[in-house]
C-alpha cells in the first residue's frame, strides 16, 4: 500500500490554514505539495475533524480489505464452476 507523507492531523492543519485565509499557492510551497493536492484534500477532508478523518481512513481500509476478500471468493467460485463443467 502507498505510504502517506502527511498524517490526518497534518492534512487537517493545512486545510485549517487555508480556511483561515492563507493562499493555496503559498500553502503548497510551504508544505511541499502541489496546489492540486491541497484541492484534493479539500474535496476529501473539507469540514472534517481529525477524529473523523481517522475514522474515514479506517473505513476505507476495511472496505478495501472486504473488496479483496470478495474478489478472491468470486475467483474461487468461478474456478470451481469451470472445474465442475469440465467433469460433466
N, C-alpha and C. Protein backbone atom coordinates (compact mmCIF):
# COMPACT_ATOMS: atom_id res chain seq x y z
N UNK A 1 0.84 -1.17 0.00
CA UNK A 1 0.00 0.00 0.00
C UNK A 1 0.89 1.24 0.00
N UNK A 2 0.41 2.28 -0.59
CA UNK A 2 1.16 3.52 -0.71
C UNK A 2 1.33 4.18 0.66
N UNK A 3 2.56 4.60 0.96
CA UNK A 3 2.85 5.27 2.21
C UNK A 3 2.50 6.74 2.08
N UNK A 4 1.83 7.27 3.08
CA UNK A 4 1.42 8.66 3.05
C UNK A 4 2.46 9.53 3.74
N UNK A 5 2.74 10.69 3.15
CA UNK A 5 3.71 11.61 3.73
C UNK A 5 3.11 12.41 4.87
N UNK A 6 1.82 12.66 4.80
CA UNK A 6 1.18 13.51 5.78
C UNK A 6 0.15 12.71 6.57
N UNK A 7 0.13 12.93 7.87
CA UNK A 7 -0.87 12.29 8.71
C UNK A 7 -2.18 13.06 8.59
N UNK A 8 -3.23 12.50 9.16
CA UNK A 8 -4.52 13.20 9.13
C UNK A 8 -4.43 14.54 9.85
N UNK A 9 -3.67 14.56 10.96
CA UNK A 9 -3.53 15.81 11.72
C UNK A 9 -2.88 16.89 10.87
N UNK A 10 -1.83 16.52 10.15
CA UNK A 10 -1.14 17.49 9.31
C UNK A 10 -2.03 17.97 8.17
N UNK A 11 -2.74 17.05 7.55
CA UNK A 11 -3.62 17.41 6.45
C UNK A 11 -4.72 18.36 6.92
N UNK A 12 -5.35 18.04 8.03
CA UNK A 12 -6.40 18.89 8.57
C UNK A 12 -5.82 20.25 8.96
N UNK A 13 -4.59 20.25 9.48
CA UNK A 13 -3.93 21.50 9.84
C UNK A 13 -3.73 22.40 8.63
N UNK A 14 -3.30 21.83 7.53
CA UNK A 14 -3.11 22.61 6.30
C UNK A 14 -4.45 23.16 5.83
N UNK A 15 -5.49 22.35 5.90
CA UNK A 15 -6.81 22.81 5.47
C UNK A 15 -7.35 23.91 6.39
N UNK A 16 -7.04 23.83 7.68
CA UNK A 16 -7.46 24.89 8.60
C UNK A 16 -6.76 26.20 8.25
N UNK A 17 -5.48 26.12 7.85
CA UNK A 17 -4.75 27.31 7.42
C UNK A 17 -5.41 27.91 6.18
N UNK A 18 -5.83 27.04 5.26
CA UNK A 18 -6.48 27.51 4.04
C UNK A 18 -7.80 28.19 4.37
N UNK A 19 -8.55 27.63 5.32
CA UNK A 19 -9.82 28.23 5.73
C UNK A 19 -9.61 29.56 6.42
N UNK A 20 -8.45 29.72 7.09
CA UNK A 20 -8.15 30.96 7.80
C UNK A 20 -7.78 32.08 6.85
N UNK A 21 -7.57 31.75 5.58
CA UNK A 21 -7.33 32.80 4.60
C UNK A 21 -6.00 32.74 3.90
N UNK A 22 -5.17 31.74 4.18
CA UNK A 22 -3.89 31.63 3.50
C UNK A 22 -4.11 31.23 2.05
N UNK A 23 -3.27 31.73 1.17
CA UNK A 23 -3.41 31.42 -0.25
C UNK A 23 -2.94 30.00 -0.52
N UNK A 24 -3.61 29.33 -1.45
CA UNK A 24 -3.32 27.94 -1.76
C UNK A 24 -1.90 27.77 -2.28
N UNK A 25 -1.46 28.65 -3.15
CA UNK A 25 -0.11 28.55 -3.70
C UNK A 25 0.95 28.68 -2.62
N UNK A 26 0.73 29.59 -1.68
CA UNK A 26 1.67 29.78 -0.58
C UNK A 26 1.72 28.54 0.31
N UNK A 27 0.54 28.01 0.63
CA UNK A 27 0.48 26.79 1.45
C UNK A 27 1.18 25.63 0.76
N UNK A 28 0.98 25.51 -0.54
CA UNK A 28 1.58 24.41 -1.29
C UNK A 28 3.10 24.50 -1.23
N UNK A 29 3.65 25.67 -1.42
CA UNK A 29 5.11 25.83 -1.36
C UNK A 29 5.63 25.56 0.05
N UNK A 30 4.96 26.06 1.04
CA UNK A 30 5.42 25.92 2.43
C UNK A 30 5.43 24.46 2.87
N UNK A 31 4.44 23.68 2.43
CA UNK A 31 4.33 22.29 2.88
C UNK A 31 4.90 21.29 1.87
N UNK A 32 5.36 21.77 0.72
CA UNK A 32 5.99 20.90 -0.26
C UNK A 32 5.04 19.99 -1.01
N UNK A 33 3.83 20.48 -1.28
CA UNK A 33 2.87 19.71 -2.07
C UNK A 33 2.39 20.59 -3.21
N UNK A 34 1.68 19.99 -4.16
CA UNK A 34 1.14 20.78 -5.26
C UNK A 34 -0.19 21.40 -4.85
N UNK A 35 -0.59 22.40 -5.59
CA UNK A 35 -1.89 23.02 -5.33
C UNK A 35 -3.01 22.02 -5.55
N UNK A 36 -2.84 21.15 -6.54
CA UNK A 36 -3.86 20.14 -6.82
C UNK A 36 -4.06 19.22 -5.62
N UNK A 37 -2.97 18.91 -4.91
CA UNK A 37 -3.07 18.07 -3.72
C UNK A 37 -3.92 18.75 -2.66
N UNK A 38 -3.71 20.04 -2.48
CA UNK A 38 -4.50 20.76 -1.48
C UNK A 38 -5.97 20.77 -1.88
N UNK A 39 -6.26 20.95 -3.15
CA UNK A 39 -7.66 20.92 -3.60
C UNK A 39 -8.26 19.52 -3.40
N UNK A 40 -7.47 18.48 -3.65
CA UNK A 40 -7.96 17.12 -3.41
C UNK A 40 -8.23 16.88 -1.94
N UNK A 41 -7.34 17.40 -1.08
CA UNK A 41 -7.57 17.28 0.36
C UNK A 41 -8.85 18.00 0.76
N UNK A 42 -9.08 19.18 0.17
CA UNK A 42 -10.31 19.91 0.49
C UNK A 42 -11.54 19.10 0.11
N UNK A 43 -11.47 18.45 -1.05
CA UNK A 43 -12.61 17.64 -1.50
C UNK A 43 -12.84 16.45 -0.59
N UNK A 44 -11.76 15.86 -0.10
CA UNK A 44 -11.89 14.65 0.69
C UNK A 44 -12.10 14.94 2.18
N UNK A 45 -11.33 15.88 2.73
CA UNK A 45 -11.34 16.12 4.17
C UNK A 45 -11.96 17.45 4.57
N UNK A 46 -12.49 18.20 3.63
CA UNK A 46 -13.04 19.51 3.95
C UNK A 46 -14.15 19.43 4.99
N UNK A 47 -14.00 20.17 6.08
CA UNK A 47 -15.02 20.20 7.12
C UNK A 47 -14.92 19.08 8.15
N UNK A 48 -13.94 18.18 8.01
CA UNK A 48 -13.80 17.08 8.96
C UNK A 48 -12.84 17.47 10.07
N UNK A 49 -13.05 16.86 11.22
CA UNK A 49 -12.10 16.98 12.32
C UNK A 49 -11.13 15.80 12.24
N UNK A 50 -10.08 15.85 13.03
CA UNK A 50 -9.04 14.82 12.96
C UNK A 50 -9.61 13.44 13.27
N UNK A 51 -10.45 13.34 14.30
CA UNK A 51 -11.02 12.03 14.66
C UNK A 51 -11.90 11.48 13.53
N UNK A 52 -12.63 12.36 12.88
CA UNK A 52 -13.48 11.92 11.77
C UNK A 52 -12.63 11.47 10.59
N UNK A 53 -11.52 12.16 10.34
CA UNK A 53 -10.62 11.78 9.25
C UNK A 53 -9.98 10.43 9.52
N UNK A 54 -9.60 10.18 10.77
CA UNK A 54 -9.04 8.87 11.12
C UNK A 54 -10.08 7.77 10.93
N UNK A 55 -11.31 8.05 11.32
CA UNK A 55 -12.38 7.07 11.14
C UNK A 55 -12.63 6.80 9.66
N UNK A 56 -12.58 7.85 8.84
CA UNK A 56 -12.74 7.71 7.40
C UNK A 56 -11.65 6.81 6.83
N UNK A 57 -10.40 7.03 7.25
CA UNK A 57 -9.29 6.21 6.76
C UNK A 57 -9.49 4.75 7.18
N UNK A 58 -9.92 4.52 8.42
CA UNK A 58 -10.14 3.14 8.89
C UNK A 58 -11.24 2.47 8.07
N UNK A 59 -12.31 3.19 7.78
CA UNK A 59 -13.40 2.62 6.99
C UNK A 59 -12.95 2.32 5.56
N UNK A 60 -12.12 3.20 4.98
CA UNK A 60 -11.61 2.95 3.63
C UNK A 60 -10.73 1.71 3.61
N UNK A 61 -9.88 1.55 4.63
CA UNK A 61 -9.02 0.36 4.70
C UNK A 61 -9.85 -0.91 4.84
N UNK A 62 -10.87 -0.86 5.70
CA UNK A 62 -11.74 -2.02 5.89
C UNK A 62 -12.49 -2.35 4.60
N UNK A 63 -12.96 -1.33 3.90
CA UNK A 63 -13.67 -1.52 2.65
C UNK A 63 -12.77 -2.18 1.60
N UNK A 64 -11.51 -1.73 1.52
CA UNK A 64 -10.57 -2.32 0.57
C UNK A 64 -10.32 -3.79 0.90
N UNK A 65 -10.20 -4.09 2.19
CA UNK A 65 -9.99 -5.48 2.61
C UNK A 65 -11.18 -6.36 2.22
N UNK A 66 -12.38 -5.86 2.46
CA UNK A 66 -13.58 -6.62 2.12
C UNK A 66 -13.72 -6.82 0.62
N UNK A 67 -13.36 -5.81 -0.16
CA UNK A 67 -13.40 -5.95 -1.62
C UNK A 67 -12.43 -7.02 -2.10
N UNK A 68 -11.22 -7.06 -1.52
CA UNK A 68 -10.26 -8.10 -1.89
C UNK A 68 -10.79 -9.48 -1.54
N UNK A 69 -11.38 -9.62 -0.35
CA UNK A 69 -11.93 -10.91 0.05
C UNK A 69 -13.05 -11.36 -0.90
N UNK A 70 -13.91 -10.43 -1.29
CA UNK A 70 -14.99 -10.75 -2.20
C UNK A 70 -14.44 -11.17 -3.57
N UNK A 71 -13.43 -10.46 -4.05
CA UNK A 71 -12.85 -10.80 -5.35
C UNK A 71 -12.22 -12.19 -5.31
N UNK A 72 -11.51 -12.51 -4.23
CA UNK A 72 -10.89 -13.83 -4.11
C UNK A 72 -11.95 -14.92 -4.06
N UNK A 73 -13.03 -14.68 -3.34
CA UNK A 73 -14.11 -15.66 -3.23
C UNK A 73 -14.78 -15.87 -4.58
N UNK A 74 -15.02 -14.78 -5.30
CA UNK A 74 -15.65 -14.91 -6.62
C UNK A 74 -14.73 -15.65 -7.59
N UNK A 75 -13.43 -15.42 -7.48
CA UNK A 75 -12.48 -16.12 -8.34
C UNK A 75 -12.46 -17.61 -8.03
N UNK A 76 -12.45 -17.95 -6.75
CA UNK A 76 -12.51 -19.37 -6.36
C UNK A 76 -13.79 -20.02 -6.86
N UNK A 77 -14.90 -19.31 -6.72
CA UNK A 77 -16.19 -19.81 -7.16
C UNK A 77 -16.20 -20.06 -8.66
N UNK A 78 -15.66 -19.13 -9.42
CA UNK A 78 -15.61 -19.30 -10.87
C UNK A 78 -14.73 -20.48 -11.25
N UNK A 79 -13.61 -20.66 -10.56
CA UNK A 79 -12.73 -21.79 -10.82
C UNK A 79 -13.41 -23.11 -10.56
N UNK A 80 -14.15 -23.18 -9.45
CA UNK A 80 -14.87 -24.42 -9.14
C UNK A 80 -15.96 -24.70 -10.16
N UNK A 81 -16.65 -23.68 -10.62
CA UNK A 81 -17.68 -23.88 -11.65
C UNK A 81 -17.06 -24.40 -12.94
N UNK A 82 -15.91 -23.85 -13.34
CA UNK A 82 -15.23 -24.33 -14.54
C UNK A 82 -14.80 -25.78 -14.39
N UNK A 83 -14.30 -26.11 -13.21
CA UNK A 83 -13.87 -27.49 -12.96
C UNK A 83 -15.03 -28.45 -13.02
N UNK A 84 -16.17 -28.09 -12.44
CA UNK A 84 -17.34 -28.95 -12.48
C UNK A 84 -17.91 -29.07 -13.89
N UNK A 85 -17.85 -27.98 -14.65
CA UNK A 85 -18.36 -28.03 -16.02
C UNK A 85 -17.54 -28.98 -16.87
N UNK A 86 -16.25 -29.04 -16.64
CA UNK A 86 -15.38 -29.94 -17.42
C UNK A 86 -15.61 -31.41 -17.06
N UNK A 87 -15.94 -31.65 -15.82
CA UNK A 87 -16.16 -33.05 -15.39
C UNK A 87 -17.47 -33.60 -15.94
N UNK A 88 -18.44 -32.80 -16.21
CA UNK A 88 -19.71 -33.30 -16.70
C UNK A 88 -19.57 -33.52 -18.16
